[in-house]
């Protein structure tokens, strides 16, 4: 997998997390009984987003045409891709 492809997957995940944050922030105003949970979830997602942005910044230092396997072990890459898949496939409206 090329670094550019990895960045593209990361960008899709970042976009999904941003949507989820907005959805949770909006739902916090629906009811005083659930506002804390949605606010807390939005804060947790913001922490995830911050981590993803740091990862994107780090990856952007590499040539997009480089193979990711040249910079990361197969296990690191597999775990990172698994995490991205989980975050990317999360439906923001479920929150």
N, C-alpha and C. Protein backbone atom coordinates (compact mmCIF):
# COMPACT_ATOMS: atom_id res chain seq x y z
N UNK A 1 0.85 -1.18 0.00
CA UNK A 1 0.00 0.00 0.00
C UNK A 1 0.90 1.24 0.00
N UNK A 2 0.54 2.17 -0.82
CA UNK A 2 1.31 3.42 -0.91
C UNK A 2 0.88 4.39 0.19
N UNK A 3 1.78 5.27 0.54
CA UNK A 3 1.50 6.28 1.58
C UNK A 3 0.32 7.14 1.16
N UNK A 4 0.22 7.48 -0.11
CA UNK A 4 -0.89 8.30 -0.60
C UNK A 4 -2.24 7.61 -0.39
N UNK A 5 -2.29 6.30 -0.61
CA UNK A 5 -3.53 5.55 -0.38
C UNK A 5 -3.88 5.54 1.10
N UNK A 6 -2.86 5.42 1.93
CA UNK A 6 -3.07 5.43 3.37
C UNK A 6 -3.61 6.79 3.83
N UNK A 7 -3.08 7.85 3.27
CA UNK A 7 -3.55 9.21 3.59
C UNK A 7 -5.00 9.37 3.13
N UNK A 8 -5.34 8.81 1.98
CA UNK A 8 -6.71 8.90 1.48
C UNK A 8 -7.68 8.20 2.44
N UNK A 9 -7.33 7.02 2.92
CA UNK A 9 -8.15 6.31 3.89
C UNK A 9 -8.26 7.12 5.18
N UNK A 10 -7.17 7.72 5.58
CA UNK A 10 -7.15 8.55 6.78
C UNK A 10 -8.06 9.76 6.61
N UNK A 11 -8.05 10.38 5.44
CA UNK A 11 -8.91 11.53 5.17
C UNK A 11 -10.39 11.14 5.24
N UNK A 12 -10.73 9.97 4.71
CA UNK A 12 -12.12 9.50 4.78
C UNK A 12 -12.54 9.29 6.24
N UNK A 13 -11.64 8.74 7.02
CA UNK A 13 -11.92 8.50 8.43
C UNK A 13 -12.08 9.81 9.18
N UNK A 14 -11.22 10.77 8.89
CA UNK A 14 -11.30 12.09 9.53
C UNK A 14 -12.64 12.74 9.21
N UNK A 15 -13.07 12.65 7.96
CA UNK A 15 -14.36 13.24 7.57
C UNK A 15 -15.50 12.57 8.34
N UNK A 16 -15.46 11.25 8.48
CA UNK A 16 -16.51 10.54 9.19
C UNK A 16 -16.54 10.94 10.67
N UNK A 17 -15.38 11.09 11.27
CA UNK A 17 -15.31 11.49 12.68
C UNK A 17 -15.84 12.91 12.86
N UNK A 18 -15.54 13.80 11.93
CA UNK A 18 -16.06 15.17 12.02
C UNK A 18 -17.59 15.17 11.97
N UNK A 19 -18.15 14.35 11.11
CA UNK A 19 -19.61 14.24 11.02
C UNK A 19 -20.18 13.72 12.34
N UNK A 20 -19.52 12.71 12.89
CA UNK A 20 -19.98 12.14 14.16
C UNK A 20 -19.91 13.16 15.29
N UNK A 21 -18.89 13.98 15.31
CA UNK A 21 -18.76 15.02 16.34
C UNK A 21 -19.93 16.00 16.24
N UNK A 22 -20.21 16.45 15.02
CA UNK A 22 -21.31 17.40 14.82
C UNK A 22 -22.64 16.76 15.22
N UNK A 23 -22.83 15.50 14.84
CA UNK A 23 -24.08 14.81 15.18
C UNK A 23 -24.25 14.72 16.69
N UNK A 24 -23.18 14.42 17.39
CA UNK A 24 -23.26 14.33 18.85
C UNK A 24 -23.47 15.69 19.49
N UNK A 25 -22.82 16.71 18.97
CA UNK A 25 -23.02 18.05 19.51
C UNK A 25 -24.47 18.50 19.33
N UNK A 26 -25.04 18.20 18.18
CA UNK A 26 -26.43 18.57 17.93
C UNK A 26 -27.39 17.79 18.82
N UNK A 27 -27.11 16.52 19.02
CA UNK A 27 -27.99 15.69 19.85
C UNK A 27 -27.90 16.08 21.32
N UNK A 28 -26.84 16.74 21.72
CA UNK A 28 -26.70 17.16 23.12
C UNK A 28 -27.78 18.16 23.51
N UNK A 29 -28.35 18.85 22.53
CA UNK A 29 -29.38 19.85 22.80
C UNK A 29 -30.80 19.27 22.78
N UNK A 30 -30.93 17.99 22.46
CA UNK A 30 -32.25 17.38 22.34
C UNK A 30 -32.96 17.22 23.68
N UNK A 31 -32.22 16.79 24.68
CA UNK A 31 -32.84 16.49 25.96
C UNK A 31 -31.84 16.70 27.09
N UNK A 32 -32.27 17.27 28.19
CA UNK A 32 -31.34 17.43 29.32
C UNK A 32 -30.94 16.08 29.93
N UNK A 33 -31.73 15.05 29.66
CA UNK A 33 -31.44 13.74 30.22
C UNK A 33 -30.31 13.02 29.49
N UNK A 34 -30.09 13.38 28.23
CA UNK A 34 -29.05 12.71 27.44
C UNK A 34 -27.93 13.64 27.02
N UNK A 35 -28.01 14.89 27.37
CA UNK A 35 -27.02 15.86 26.89
C UNK A 35 -25.61 15.51 27.35
N UNK A 36 -25.47 15.04 28.58
CA UNK A 36 -24.14 14.71 29.09
C UNK A 36 -23.50 13.60 28.26
N UNK A 37 -24.26 12.56 27.95
CA UNK A 37 -23.71 11.43 27.20
C UNK A 37 -23.25 11.86 25.80
N UNK A 38 -24.07 12.67 25.14
CA UNK A 38 -23.70 13.11 23.80
C UNK A 38 -22.52 14.09 23.84
N UNK A 39 -22.49 14.93 24.84
CA UNK A 39 -21.35 15.85 24.98
C UNK A 39 -20.08 15.07 25.26
N UNK A 40 -20.17 14.08 26.13
CA UNK A 40 -19.01 13.24 26.45
C UNK A 40 -18.53 12.50 25.21
N UNK A 41 -19.44 11.96 24.44
CA UNK A 41 -19.07 11.22 23.22
C UNK A 41 -18.42 12.16 22.21
N UNK A 42 -18.92 13.39 22.09
CA UNK A 42 -18.31 14.36 21.18
C UNK A 42 -16.88 14.67 21.61
N UNK A 43 -16.65 14.77 22.90
CA UNK A 43 -15.29 15.03 23.40
C UNK A 43 -14.36 13.85 23.13
N UNK A 44 -14.87 12.65 23.30
CA UNK A 44 -14.07 11.46 23.01
C UNK A 44 -13.72 11.39 21.52
N UNK A 45 -14.69 11.70 20.69
CA UNK A 45 -14.44 11.70 19.25
C UNK A 45 -13.46 12.80 18.86
N UNK A 46 -13.51 13.93 19.55
CA UNK A 46 -12.56 15.01 19.28
C UNK A 46 -11.13 14.55 19.59
N UNK A 47 -10.97 13.78 20.66
CA UNK A 47 -9.64 13.23 20.98
C UNK A 47 -9.17 12.29 19.88
N UNK A 48 -10.08 11.45 19.38
CA UNK A 48 -9.74 10.56 18.27
C UNK A 48 -9.36 11.37 17.03
N UNK A 49 -10.12 12.42 16.77
CA UNK A 49 -9.83 13.28 15.62
C UNK A 49 -8.45 13.92 15.76
N UNK A 50 -8.13 14.40 16.93
CA UNK A 50 -6.82 15.01 17.15
C UNK A 50 -5.69 14.01 16.87
N UNK A 51 -5.88 12.77 17.32
CA UNK A 51 -4.88 11.73 17.07
C UNK A 51 -4.75 11.43 15.57
N UNK A 52 -5.90 11.38 14.89
CA UNK A 52 -5.87 11.13 13.44
C UNK A 52 -5.20 12.28 12.69
N UNK A 53 -5.43 13.48 13.14
CA UNK A 53 -4.79 14.64 12.48
C UNK A 53 -3.26 14.60 12.67
N UNK A 54 -2.82 14.17 13.84
CA UNK A 54 -1.38 14.02 14.08
C UNK A 54 -0.80 12.94 13.17
N UNK A 55 -1.54 11.83 13.02
CA UNK A 55 -1.08 10.76 12.14
C UNK A 55 -1.01 11.24 10.70
N UNK A 56 -2.00 12.04 10.29
CA UNK A 56 -1.99 12.55 8.92
C UNK A 56 -0.81 13.48 8.69
N UNK A 57 -0.55 14.33 9.67
CA UNK A 57 0.59 15.25 9.58
C UNK A 57 1.90 14.46 9.46
N UNK A 58 2.02 13.39 10.24
CA UNK A 58 3.22 12.56 10.18
C UNK A 58 3.34 11.89 8.82
N UNK A 59 2.26 11.32 8.32
CA UNK A 59 2.30 10.63 7.03
C UNK A 59 2.57 11.58 5.87
N UNK A 60 2.13 12.82 6.00
CA UNK A 60 2.33 13.78 4.91
C UNK A 60 3.80 14.14 4.72
N UNK A 61 4.65 13.77 5.67
CA UNK A 61 6.09 14.03 5.53
C UNK A 61 6.75 13.07 4.55
N UNK A 62 6.07 11.95 4.27
CA UNK A 62 6.62 10.95 3.36
C UNK A 62 6.15 11.21 1.93
N UNK A 63 6.87 10.66 0.99
CA UNK A 63 6.48 10.74 -0.42
C UNK A 63 5.22 9.89 -0.61
N UNK A 64 4.17 10.45 -1.21
CA UNK A 64 2.93 9.69 -1.39
C UNK A 64 3.10 8.42 -2.23
N UNK A 65 4.14 8.35 -3.02
CA UNK A 65 4.37 7.18 -3.87
C UNK A 65 5.20 6.11 -3.17
N UNK A 66 5.73 6.40 -1.98
CA UNK A 66 6.48 5.40 -1.22
C UNK A 66 5.53 4.31 -0.74
N UNK A 67 6.05 3.13 -0.60
CA UNK A 67 5.29 2.02 -0.03
C UNK A 67 5.27 2.17 1.49
N UNK A 68 4.11 2.04 2.08
CA UNK A 68 3.97 2.17 3.54
C UNK A 68 4.79 1.10 4.26
N UNK A 69 4.93 -0.07 3.65
CA UNK A 69 5.68 -1.16 4.26
C UNK A 69 7.16 -0.82 4.43
N UNK A 70 7.65 0.17 3.69
CA UNK A 70 9.04 0.59 3.83
C UNK A 70 9.26 1.41 5.10
N UNK A 71 8.19 1.94 5.67
CA UNK A 71 8.31 2.82 6.83
C UNK A 71 7.71 2.22 8.10
N UNK A 72 6.84 1.25 7.95
CA UNK A 72 6.14 0.66 9.09
C UNK A 72 6.17 -0.86 8.99
N UNK A 73 6.16 -1.51 10.14
CA UNK A 73 6.11 -2.98 10.12
C UNK A 73 4.73 -3.42 9.64
N UNK A 74 4.65 -4.66 9.20
CA UNK A 74 3.36 -5.18 8.73
C UNK A 74 2.34 -5.18 9.85
N UNK A 75 2.76 -5.48 11.06
CA UNK A 75 1.83 -5.49 12.19
C UNK A 75 1.33 -4.08 12.51
N UNK A 76 2.24 -3.10 12.50
CA UNK A 76 1.81 -1.71 12.74
C UNK A 76 0.82 -1.26 11.69
N UNK A 77 1.11 -1.57 10.47
CA UNK A 77 0.23 -1.17 9.36
C UNK A 77 -1.12 -1.88 9.46
N UNK A 78 -1.11 -3.15 9.79
CA UNK A 78 -2.35 -3.91 9.92
C UNK A 78 -3.23 -3.35 11.05
N UNK A 79 -2.62 -3.03 12.19
CA UNK A 79 -3.36 -2.46 13.32
C UNK A 79 -3.92 -1.08 12.98
N UNK A 80 -3.12 -0.28 12.29
CA UNK A 80 -3.56 1.07 11.91
C UNK A 80 -4.74 0.99 10.94
N UNK A 81 -4.64 0.10 9.97
CA UNK A 81 -5.72 -0.06 8.99
C UNK A 81 -6.99 -0.60 9.66
N UNK A 82 -6.82 -1.49 10.61
CA UNK A 82 -7.97 -2.02 11.34
C UNK A 82 -8.68 -0.91 12.11
N UNK A 83 -7.89 -0.06 12.78
CA UNK A 83 -8.46 1.06 13.52
C UNK A 83 -9.19 2.02 12.58
N UNK A 84 -8.56 2.34 11.45
CA UNK A 84 -9.20 3.24 10.48
C UNK A 84 -10.51 2.66 9.96
N UNK A 85 -10.51 1.37 9.70
CA UNK A 85 -11.74 0.73 9.20
C UNK A 85 -12.86 0.81 10.23
N UNK A 86 -12.53 0.55 11.48
CA UNK A 86 -13.54 0.63 12.53
C UNK A 86 -14.10 2.04 12.66
N UNK A 87 -13.23 3.03 12.66
CA UNK A 87 -13.68 4.42 12.79
C UNK A 87 -14.43 4.89 11.55
N UNK A 88 -13.97 4.47 10.38
CA UNK A 88 -14.58 4.92 9.13
C UNK A 88 -15.96 4.30 8.92
N UNK A 89 -16.15 3.07 9.38
CA UNK A 89 -17.41 2.37 9.16
C UNK A 89 -18.45 2.68 10.23
N UNK A 90 -18.10 3.47 11.21
CA UNK A 90 -19.05 3.85 12.25
C UNK A 90 -20.03 4.84 11.68
N UNK A 91 -21.30 4.57 11.85
CA UNK A 91 -22.35 5.46 11.34
C UNK A 91 -22.57 6.59 12.32
N UNK A 92 -22.36 7.80 11.89
CA UNK A 92 -22.47 8.97 12.76
C UNK A 92 -23.88 9.16 13.31
N UNK A 93 -24.88 8.64 12.59
CA UNK A 93 -26.25 8.86 13.04
C UNK A 93 -26.67 7.87 14.13
N UNK A 94 -25.84 6.87 14.38
CA UNK A 94 -26.15 5.89 15.42
C UNK A 94 -25.96 6.53 16.79
N UNK A 95 -25.11 7.51 16.88
CA UNK A 95 -24.80 8.12 18.17
C UNK A 95 -26.04 8.71 18.70
